[in-house]
């Protein structure tokens, strides 16, 4: 499956101006039930079904969120190699 921004192996950003956490949670619950073997996400590396289930369960339990979004963005920018 090509998941785009719905599920990827990192913090799931659900508090941006255009985000809807309830819709994301509903989508993740639906994905969890599908017989997906491999996820090719819009960010980070591809992963298997077991990792997808782990990511979804962690998010639905309150994890996989960056917390302070401004600090998280700054940290992500600092991780990038210099151009």
PDB file of N, CA and C in Angstrom:
ATOM      1  N   UNK A   1       0.843  -1.164   0.000  1.00  0.00           N
ATOM      2  CA  UNK A   1       0.000   0.000   0.000  1.00  0.00           C
ATOM      3  C   UNK A   1       0.896   1.237   0.000  1.00  0.00           C
ATOM      4  N   UNK A   2       0.509   2.228  -0.763  1.00  0.00           N
ATOM      5  CA  UNK A   2       1.145   3.536  -0.724  1.00  0.00           C
ATOM      6  C   UNK A   2       0.281   4.399   0.192  1.00  0.00           C
ATOM      7  N   UNK A   3       0.809   4.735   1.362  1.00  0.00           N
ATOM      8  CA  UNK A   3      -0.024   5.363   2.392  1.00  0.00           C
ATOM      9  C   UNK A   3       0.034   6.876   2.433  1.00  0.00           C
ATOM     10  N   UNK A   4       0.986   7.462   1.744  1.00  0.00           N
ATOM     11  CA  UNK A   4       1.100   8.922   1.825  1.00  0.00           C
ATOM     12  C   UNK A   4       1.355   9.351   3.254  1.00  0.00           C
ATOM     13  N   UNK A   5       0.524  10.270   3.760  1.00  0.00           N
ATOM     14  CA  UNK A   5       0.702  10.803   5.112  1.00  0.00           C
ATOM     15  C   UNK A   5      -0.199  10.142   6.153  1.00  0.00           C
ATOM     16  N   UNK A   6      -0.938   9.112   5.775  1.00  0.00           N
ATOM     17  CA  UNK A   6      -1.849   8.498   6.733  1.00  0.00           C
ATOM     18  C   UNK A   6      -1.083   7.720   7.794  1.00  0.00           C
ATOM     19  N   UNK A   7      -0.122   6.926   7.369  1.00  0.00           N
ATOM     20  CA  UNK A   7       0.678   6.163   8.333  1.00  0.00           C
ATOM     21  C   UNK A   7       2.098   6.059   7.794  1.00  0.00           C
ATOM     22  N   UNK A   8       3.056   6.332   8.670  1.00  0.00           N
ATOM     23  CA  UNK A   8       4.481   6.227   8.357  1.00  0.00           C
ATOM     24  C   UNK A   8       5.199   5.962   9.664  1.00  0.00           C
ATOM     25  N   UNK A   9       6.447   5.529   9.596  1.00  0.00           N
ATOM     26  CA  UNK A   9       7.179   5.109  10.791  1.00  0.00           C
ATOM     27  C   UNK A   9       7.898   6.292  11.428  1.00  0.00           C
ATOM     28  N   UNK A  10       7.129   7.159  12.034  1.00  0.00           N
ATOM     29  CA  UNK A  10       7.631   8.343  12.723  1.00  0.00           C
ATOM     30  C   UNK A  10       6.485   8.946  13.516  1.00  0.00           C
ATOM     31  N   UNK A  11       6.708  10.128  14.070  1.00  0.00           N
ATOM     32  CA  UNK A  11       5.616  10.804  14.768  1.00  0.00           C
ATOM     33  C   UNK A  11       4.557  11.203  13.749  1.00  0.00           C
ATOM     34  N   UNK A  12       3.306  10.906  14.075  1.00  0.00           N
ATOM     35  CA  UNK A  12       2.207  11.229  13.169  1.00  0.00           C
ATOM     36  C   UNK A  12       1.690  12.624  13.517  1.00  0.00           C
ATOM     37  N   UNK A  13       1.829  13.522  12.573  1.00  0.00           N
ATOM     38  CA  UNK A  13       1.447  14.915  12.799  1.00  0.00           C
ATOM     39  C   UNK A  13      -0.055  15.074  12.630  1.00  0.00           C
ATOM     40  N   UNK A  14      -0.736  15.267  13.748  1.00  0.00           N
ATOM     41  CA  UNK A  14      -2.191  15.373  13.702  1.00  0.00           C
ATOM     42  C   UNK A  14      -2.701  16.709  14.244  1.00  0.00           C
ATOM     43  N   UNK A  15      -1.788  17.663  14.447  1.00  0.00           N
ATOM     44  CA  UNK A  15      -2.225  18.942  15.000  1.00  0.00           C
ATOM     45  C   UNK A  15      -1.820  20.138  14.136  1.00  0.00           C
ATOM     46  N   UNK A  16      -1.622  19.891  12.856  1.00  0.00           N
ATOM     47  CA  UNK A  16      -1.367  20.988  11.931  1.00  0.00           C
ATOM     48  C   UNK A  16      -2.685  21.673  11.599  1.00  0.00           C
ATOM     49  N   UNK A  17      -2.631  22.840  10.982  1.00  0.00           N
ATOM     50  CA  UNK A  17      -3.845  23.628  10.751  1.00  0.00           C
ATOM     51  C   UNK A  17      -4.896  22.874   9.936  1.00  0.00           C
ATOM     52  N   UNK A  18      -4.489  21.952   9.099  1.00  0.00           N
ATOM     53  CA  UNK A  18      -5.445  21.236   8.245  1.00  0.00           C
ATOM     54  C   UNK A  18      -5.707  19.808   8.730  1.00  0.00           C
ATOM     55  N   UNK A  19      -5.178  19.466   9.893  1.00  0.00           N
ATOM     56  CA  UNK A  19      -5.297  18.097  10.408  1.00  0.00           C
ATOM     57  C   UNK A  19      -6.606  17.893  11.164  1.00  0.00           C
ATOM     58  N   UNK A  20      -7.044  16.646  11.164  1.00  0.00           N
ATOM     59  CA  UNK A  20      -8.226  16.270  11.933  1.00  0.00           C
ATOM     60  C   UNK A  20      -7.909  14.943  12.623  1.00  0.00           C
ATOM     61  N   UNK A  21      -7.529  14.985  13.905  1.00  0.00           N
ATOM     62  CA  UNK A  21      -7.133  13.768  14.607  1.00  0.00           C
ATOM     63  C   UNK A  21      -8.198  12.662  14.608  1.00  0.00           C
ATOM     64  N   UNK A  22      -9.460  13.059  14.660  1.00  0.00           N
ATOM     65  CA  UNK A  22     -10.529  12.054  14.663  1.00  0.00           C
ATOM     66  C   UNK A  22     -10.580  11.313  13.326  1.00  0.00           C
ATOM     67  N   UNK A  23     -10.413  12.049  12.223  1.00  0.00           N
ATOM     68  CA  UNK A  23     -10.414  11.410  10.906  1.00  0.00           C
ATOM     69  C   UNK A  23      -9.191  10.503  10.749  1.00  0.00           C
ATOM     70  N   UNK A  24      -8.040  10.963  11.240  1.00  0.00           N
ATOM     71  CA  UNK A  24      -6.848  10.136  11.169  1.00  0.00           C
ATOM     72  C   UNK A  24      -7.042   8.846  11.951  1.00  0.00           C
ATOM     73  N   UNK A  25      -7.564   8.940  13.161  1.00  0.00           N
ATOM     74  CA  UNK A  25      -7.792   7.743  13.972  1.00  0.00           C
ATOM     75  C   UNK A  25      -8.771   6.789  13.281  1.00  0.00           C
ATOM     76  N   UNK A  26      -9.823   7.320  12.683  1.00  0.00           N
ATOM     77  CA  UNK A  26     -10.780   6.480  11.948  1.00  0.00           C
ATOM     78  C   UNK A  26     -10.092   5.779  10.773  1.00  0.00           C
ATOM     79  N   UNK A  27      -9.263   6.522  10.040  1.00  0.00           N
ATOM     80  CA  UNK A  27      -8.551   5.933   8.901  1.00  0.00           C
ATOM     81  C   UNK A  27      -7.601   4.837   9.363  1.00  0.00           C
ATOM     82  N   UNK A  28      -6.889   5.082  10.453  1.00  0.00           N
ATOM     83  CA  UNK A  28      -5.955   4.077  10.966  1.00  0.00           C
ATOM     84  C   UNK A  28      -6.689   2.816  11.414  1.00  0.00           C
ATOM     85  N   UNK A  29      -7.829   2.982  12.044  1.00  0.00           N
ATOM     86  CA  UNK A  29      -8.619   1.802  12.448  1.00  0.00           C
ATOM     87  C   UNK A  29      -9.053   0.983  11.232  1.00  0.00           C
ATOM     88  N   UNK A  30      -9.438   1.664  10.159  1.00  0.00           N
ATOM     89  CA  UNK A  30      -9.822   0.947   8.933  1.00  0.00           C
ATOM     90  C   UNK A  30      -8.620   0.252   8.308  1.00  0.00           C
ATOM     91  N   UNK A  31      -7.470   0.938   8.242  1.00  0.00           N
ATOM     92  CA  UNK A  31      -6.264   0.318   7.680  1.00  0.00           C
ATOM     93  C   UNK A  31      -5.852  -0.918   8.463  1.00  0.00           C
ATOM     94  N   UNK A  32      -6.026  -0.858   9.768  1.00  0.00           N
ATOM     95  CA  UNK A  32      -5.619  -1.980  10.632  1.00  0.00           C
ATOM     96  C   UNK A  32      -6.333  -3.276  10.249  1.00  0.00           C
ATOM     97  N   UNK A  33      -7.518  -3.160   9.706  1.00  0.00           N
ATOM     98  CA  UNK A  33      -8.328  -4.335   9.363  1.00  0.00           C
ATOM     99  C   UNK A  33      -8.029  -4.885   7.964  1.00  0.00           C
ATOM    100  N   UNK A  34      -7.320  -4.136   7.143  1.00  0.00           N
ATOM    101  CA  UNK A  34      -7.040  -4.584   5.773  1.00  0.00           C
ATOM    102  C   UNK A  34      -5.848  -5.545   5.739  1.00  0.00           C
ATOM    103  N   UNK A  35      -5.830  -6.468   4.772  1.00  0.00           N
ATOM    104  CA  UNK A  35      -4.731  -7.445   4.667  1.00  0.00           C
ATOM    105  C   UNK A  35      -3.497  -6.856   3.971  1.00  0.00           C
ATOM    106  N   UNK A  36      -2.994  -5.773   4.499  1.00  0.00           N
ATOM    107  CA  UNK A  36      -1.838  -5.082   3.920  1.00  0.00           C
ATOM    108  C   UNK A  36      -0.569  -5.835   4.290  1.00  0.00           C
ATOM    109  N   UNK A  37       0.308  -6.044   3.325  1.00  0.00           N
ATOM    110  CA  UNK A  37       1.570  -6.746   3.575  1.00  0.00           C
ATOM    111  C   UNK A  37       2.743  -5.785   3.745  1.00  0.00           C
ATOM    112  N   UNK A  38       2.782  -4.739   2.896  1.00  0.00           N
ATOM    113  CA  UNK A  38       3.882  -3.779   2.906  1.00  0.00           C
ATOM    114  C   UNK A  38       3.326  -2.373   2.763  1.00  0.00           C
ATOM    115  N   UNK A  39       3.868  -1.448   3.554  1.00  0.00           N
ATOM    116  CA  UNK A  39       3.462  -0.047   3.478  1.00  0.00           C
ATOM    117  C   UNK A  39       4.628   0.756   2.925  1.00  0.00           C
ATOM    118  N   UNK A  40       4.350   1.484   1.846  1.00  0.00           N
ATOM    119  CA  UNK A  40       5.300   2.433   1.276  1.00  0.00           C
ATOM    120  C   UNK A  40       4.740   3.811   1.631  1.00  0.00           C
ATOM    121  N   UNK A  41       5.311   4.396   2.651  1.00  0.00           N
ATOM    122  CA  UNK A  41       4.779   5.643   3.191  1.00  0.00           C
ATOM    123  C   UNK A  41       5.346   6.858   2.467  1.00  0.00           C
ATOM    124  N   UNK A  42       4.736   7.990   2.706  1.00  0.00           N
ATOM    125  CA  UNK A  42       5.212   9.232   2.116  1.00  0.00           C
ATOM    126  C   UNK A  42       6.452   9.765   2.805  1.00  0.00           C
ATOM    127  N   UNK A  43       6.813   9.189   3.940  1.00  0.00           N
ATOM    128  CA  UNK A  43       7.980   9.613   4.709  1.00  0.00           C
ATOM    129  C   UNK A  43       8.658   8.370   5.285  1.00  0.00           C
ATOM    130  N   UNK A  44       9.963   8.428   5.412  1.00  0.00           N
ATOM    131  CA  UNK A  44      10.760   7.383   6.030  1.00  0.00           C
ATOM    132  C   UNK A  44      10.755   6.100   5.187  1.00  0.00           C
ATOM    133  N   UNK A  45      11.173   5.007   5.780  1.00  0.00           N
ATOM    134  CA  UNK A  45      11.335   3.763   5.019  1.00  0.00           C
ATOM    135  C   UNK A  45      10.037   2.956   4.992  1.00  0.00           C
ATOM    136  N   UNK A  46       9.962   2.013   4.055  1.00  0.00           N
ATOM    137  CA  UNK A  46       8.813   1.101   3.970  1.00  0.00           C
ATOM    138  C   UNK A  46       8.869   0.118   5.134  1.00  0.00           C
ATOM    139  N   UNK A  47       7.720  -0.468   5.458  1.00  0.00           N
ATOM    140  CA  UNK A  47       7.658  -1.404   6.582  1.00  0.00           C
ATOM    141  C   UNK A  47       6.558  -2.429   6.347  1.00  0.00           C
ATOM    142  N   UNK A  48       6.569  -3.470   7.174  1.00  0.00           N
ATOM    143  CA  UNK A  48       5.624  -4.576   7.001  1.00  0.00           C
ATOM    144  C   UNK A  48       4.367  -4.381   7.850  1.00  0.00           C
ATOM    145  N   UNK A  49       3.453  -5.332   7.720  1.00  0.00           N
ATOM    146  CA  UNK A  49       2.174  -5.272   8.420  1.00  0.00           C
ATOM    147  C   UNK A  49       2.343  -5.196   9.933  1.00  0.00           C
ATOM    148  N   UNK A  50       3.258  -5.996  10.479  1.00  0.00           N
ATOM    149  CA  UNK A  50       3.447  -5.987  11.927  1.00  0.00           C
ATOM    150  C   UNK A  50       3.843  -4.597  12.425  1.00  0.00           C
ATOM    151  N   UNK A  51       4.734  -3.935  11.702  1.00  0.00           N
ATOM    152  CA  UNK A  51       5.136  -2.582  12.090  1.00  0.00           C
ATOM    153  C   UNK A  51       3.978  -1.618  11.924  1.00  0.00           C
ATOM    154  N   UNK A  52       3.164  -1.794  10.888  1.00  0.00           N
ATOM    155  CA  UNK A  52       2.001  -0.935  10.703  1.00  0.00           C
ATOM    156  C   UNK A  52       1.054  -1.051  11.902  1.00  0.00           C
ATOM    157  N   UNK A  53       0.805  -2.277  12.338  1.00  0.00           N
ATOM    158  CA  UNK A  53      -0.081  -2.504  13.481  1.00  0.00           C
ATOM    159  C   UNK A  53       0.499  -1.840  14.728  1.00  0.00           C
ATOM    160  N   UNK A  54       1.813  -1.978  14.929  1.00  0.00           N
ATOM    161  CA  UNK A  54       2.470  -1.349  16.077  1.00  0.00           C
ATOM    162  C   UNK A  54       2.305   0.169  16.038  1.00  0.00           C
ATOM    163  N   UNK A  55       2.557   0.757  14.880  1.00  0.00           N
ATOM    164  CA  UNK A  55       2.431   2.215  14.728  1.00  0.00           C
ATOM    165  C   UNK A  55       1.000   2.655  15.027  1.00  0.00           C
ATOM    166  N   UNK A  56       0.034   1.963  14.457  1.00  0.00           N
ATOM    167  CA  UNK A  56      -1.374   2.322  14.659  1.00  0.00           C
ATOM    168  C   UNK A  56      -1.754   2.187  16.124  1.00  0.00           C
ATOM    169  N   UNK A  57      -1.397   1.068  16.741  1.00  0.00           N
ATOM    170  CA  UNK A  57      -1.752   0.851  18.145  1.00  0.00           C
ATOM    171  C   UNK A  57      -1.106   1.899  19.048  1.00  0.00           C
ATOM    172  N   UNK A  58       0.154   2.244  18.768  1.00  0.00           N
ATOM    173  CA  UNK A  58       0.820   3.270  19.575  1.00  0.00           C
ATOM    174  C   UNK A  58       0.127   4.621  19.419  1.00  0.00           C
ATOM    175  N   UNK A  59      -0.232   4.969  18.197  1.00  0.00           N
ATOM    176  CA  UNK A  59      -0.918   6.251  17.979  1.00  0.00           C
ATOM    177  C   UNK A  59      -2.271   6.268  18.693  1.00  0.00           C
ATOM    178  N   UNK A  60      -3.049   5.214  18.523  1.00  0.00           N
ATOM    179  CA  UNK A  60      -4.380   5.171  19.129  1.00  0.00           C
ATOM    180  C   UNK A  60      -4.323   5.168  20.656  1.00  0.00           C
ATOM    181  N   UNK A  61      -3.183   4.734  21.218  1.00  0.00           N
ATOM    182  CA  UNK A  61      -2.997   4.743  22.671  1.00  0.00           C
ATOM    183  C   UNK A  61      -2.445   6.080  23.174  1.00  0.00           C
ATOM    184  N   UNK A  62      -2.234   7.033  22.258  1.00  0.00           N
ATOM    185  CA  UNK A  62      -1.774   8.356  22.665  1.00  0.00           C
ATOM    186  C   UNK A  62      -0.325   8.653  22.348  1.00  0.00           C
ATOM    187  N   UNK A  63       0.367   7.729  21.722  1.00  0.00           N
ATOM    188  CA  UNK A  63       1.768   7.941  21.375  1.00  0.00           C
ATOM    189  C   UNK A  63       1.938   8.410  19.948  1.00  0.00           C
ATOM    190  N   UNK A  64       3.192   8.390  19.489  1.00  0.00           N
ATOM    191  CA  UNK A  64       3.532   8.756  18.110  1.00  0.00           C
ATOM    192  C   UNK A  64       3.178  10.202  17.768  1.00  0.00           C
ATOM    193  N   UNK A  65       3.195  11.082  18.756  1.00  0.00           N
ATOM    194  CA  UNK A  65       2.932  12.498  18.518  1.00  0.00           C
ATOM    195  C   UNK A  65       4.181  13.286  18.904  1.00  0.00           C
ATOM    196  N   UNK A  66       4.483  14.358  18.178  1.00  0.00           N
ATOM    197  CA  UNK A  66       5.727  15.082  18.445  1.00  0.00           C
ATOM    198  C   UNK A  66       5.717  15.952  19.695  1.00  0.00           C
ATOM    199  N   UNK A  67       4.562  16.194  20.297  1.00  0.00           N
ATOM    200  CA  UNK A  67       4.521  17.082  21.460  1.00  0.00           C
ATOM    201  C   UNK A  67       4.606  18.531  21.016  1.00  0.00           C
ATOM    202  N   UNK A  68       5.679  19.209  21.382  1.00  0.00           N
ATOM    203  CA  UNK A  68       5.892  20.605  20.989  1.00  0.00           C
ATOM    204  C   UNK A  68       6.262  20.625  19.514  1.00  0.00           C
ATOM    205  N   UNK A  69       5.320  20.969  18.668  1.00  0.00           N
ATOM    206  CA  UNK A  69       5.516  20.892  17.228  1.00  0.00           C
ATOM    207  C   UNK A  69       6.629  21.816  16.743  1.00  0.00           C
ATOM    208  N   UNK A  70       6.711  23.017  17.294  1.00  0.00           N
ATOM    209  CA  UNK A  70       7.775  23.940  16.869  1.00  0.00           C
ATOM    210  C   UNK A  70       9.157  23.365  17.175  1.00  0.00           C
ATOM    211  N   UNK A  71       9.324  22.790  18.357  1.00  0.00           N
ATOM    212  CA  UNK A  71      10.608  22.190  18.720  1.00  0.00           C
ATOM    213  C   UNK A  71      10.900  20.972  17.847  1.00  0.00           C
ATOM    214  N   UNK A  72       9.865  20.197  17.540  1.00  0.00           N
ATOM    215  CA  UNK A  72      10.056  19.016  16.697  1.00  0.00           C
ATOM    216  C   UNK A  72      10.510  19.430  15.303  1.00  0.00           C
ATOM    217  N   UNK A  73       9.862  20.448  14.726  1.00  0.00           N
ATOM    218  CA  UNK A  73      10.236  20.925  13.392  1.00  0.00           C
ATOM    219  C   UNK A  73      11.677  21.429  13.402  1.00  0.00           C
ATOM    220  N   UNK A  74      12.037  22.196  14.417  1.00  0.00           N
ATOM    221  CA  UNK A  74      13.409  22.697  14.521  1.00  0.00           C
ATOM    222  C   UNK A  74      14.397  21.533  14.568  1.00  0.00           C
ATOM    223  N   UNK A  75      14.085  20.505  15.340  1.00  0.00           N
ATOM    224  CA  UNK A  75      14.956  19.335  15.426  1.00  0.00           C
ATOM    225  C   UNK A  75      15.079  18.607  14.099  1.00  0.00           C
ATOM    226  N   UNK A  76      13.970  18.504  13.355  1.00  0.00           N
ATOM    227  CA  UNK A  76      14.009  17.851  12.050  1.00  0.00           C
ATOM    228  C   UNK A  76      14.868  18.646  11.070  1.00  0.00           C
ATOM    229  N   UNK A  77      14.759  19.946  11.110  1.00  0.00           N
ATOM    230  CA  UNK A  77      15.565  20.793  10.230  1.00  0.00           C
ATOM    231  C   UNK A  77      17.041  20.651  10.566  1.00  0.00           C
ATOM    232  N   UNK A  78      17.365  20.604  11.848  1.00  0.00           N
ATOM    233  CA  UNK A  78      18.758  20.473  12.274  1.00  0.00           C
ATOM    234  C   UNK A  78      19.355  19.115  11.893  1.00  0.00           C
ATOM    235  N   UNK A  79      18.512  18.093  11.720  1.00  0.00           N
ATOM    236  CA  UNK A  79      18.998  16.762  11.324  1.00  0.00           C
ATOM    237  C   UNK A  79      19.386  16.706   9.855  1.00  0.00           C
ATOM    238  N   UNK A  80      18.871  17.618   9.040  1.00  0.00           N
ATOM    239  CA  UNK A  80      19.118  17.591   7.598  1.00  0.00           C
ATOM    240  C   UNK A  80      20.585  17.881   7.312  1.00  0.00           C
ATOM    241  N   UNK A  81      21.130  17.209   6.312  1.00  0.00           N
ATOM    242  CA  UNK A  81      22.523  17.522   5.920  1.00  0.00           C
ATOM    243  C   UNK A  81      22.592  18.914   5.317  1.00  0.00           C
ATOM    244  N   UNK A  82      23.711  19.568   5.485  1.00  0.00           N
ATOM    245  CA  UNK A  82      23.893  20.908   4.908  1.00  0.00           C
ATOM    246  C   UNK A  82      23.919  20.809   3.393  1.00  0.00           C
ATOM    247  N   UNK A  83      23.216  21.713   2.743  1.00  0.00           N
ATOM    248  CA  UNK A  83      23.184  21.731   1.272  1.00  0.00           C
ATOM    249  C   UNK A  83      24.313  22.561   0.721  1.00  0.00           C
TER     250      UNK A  83
END
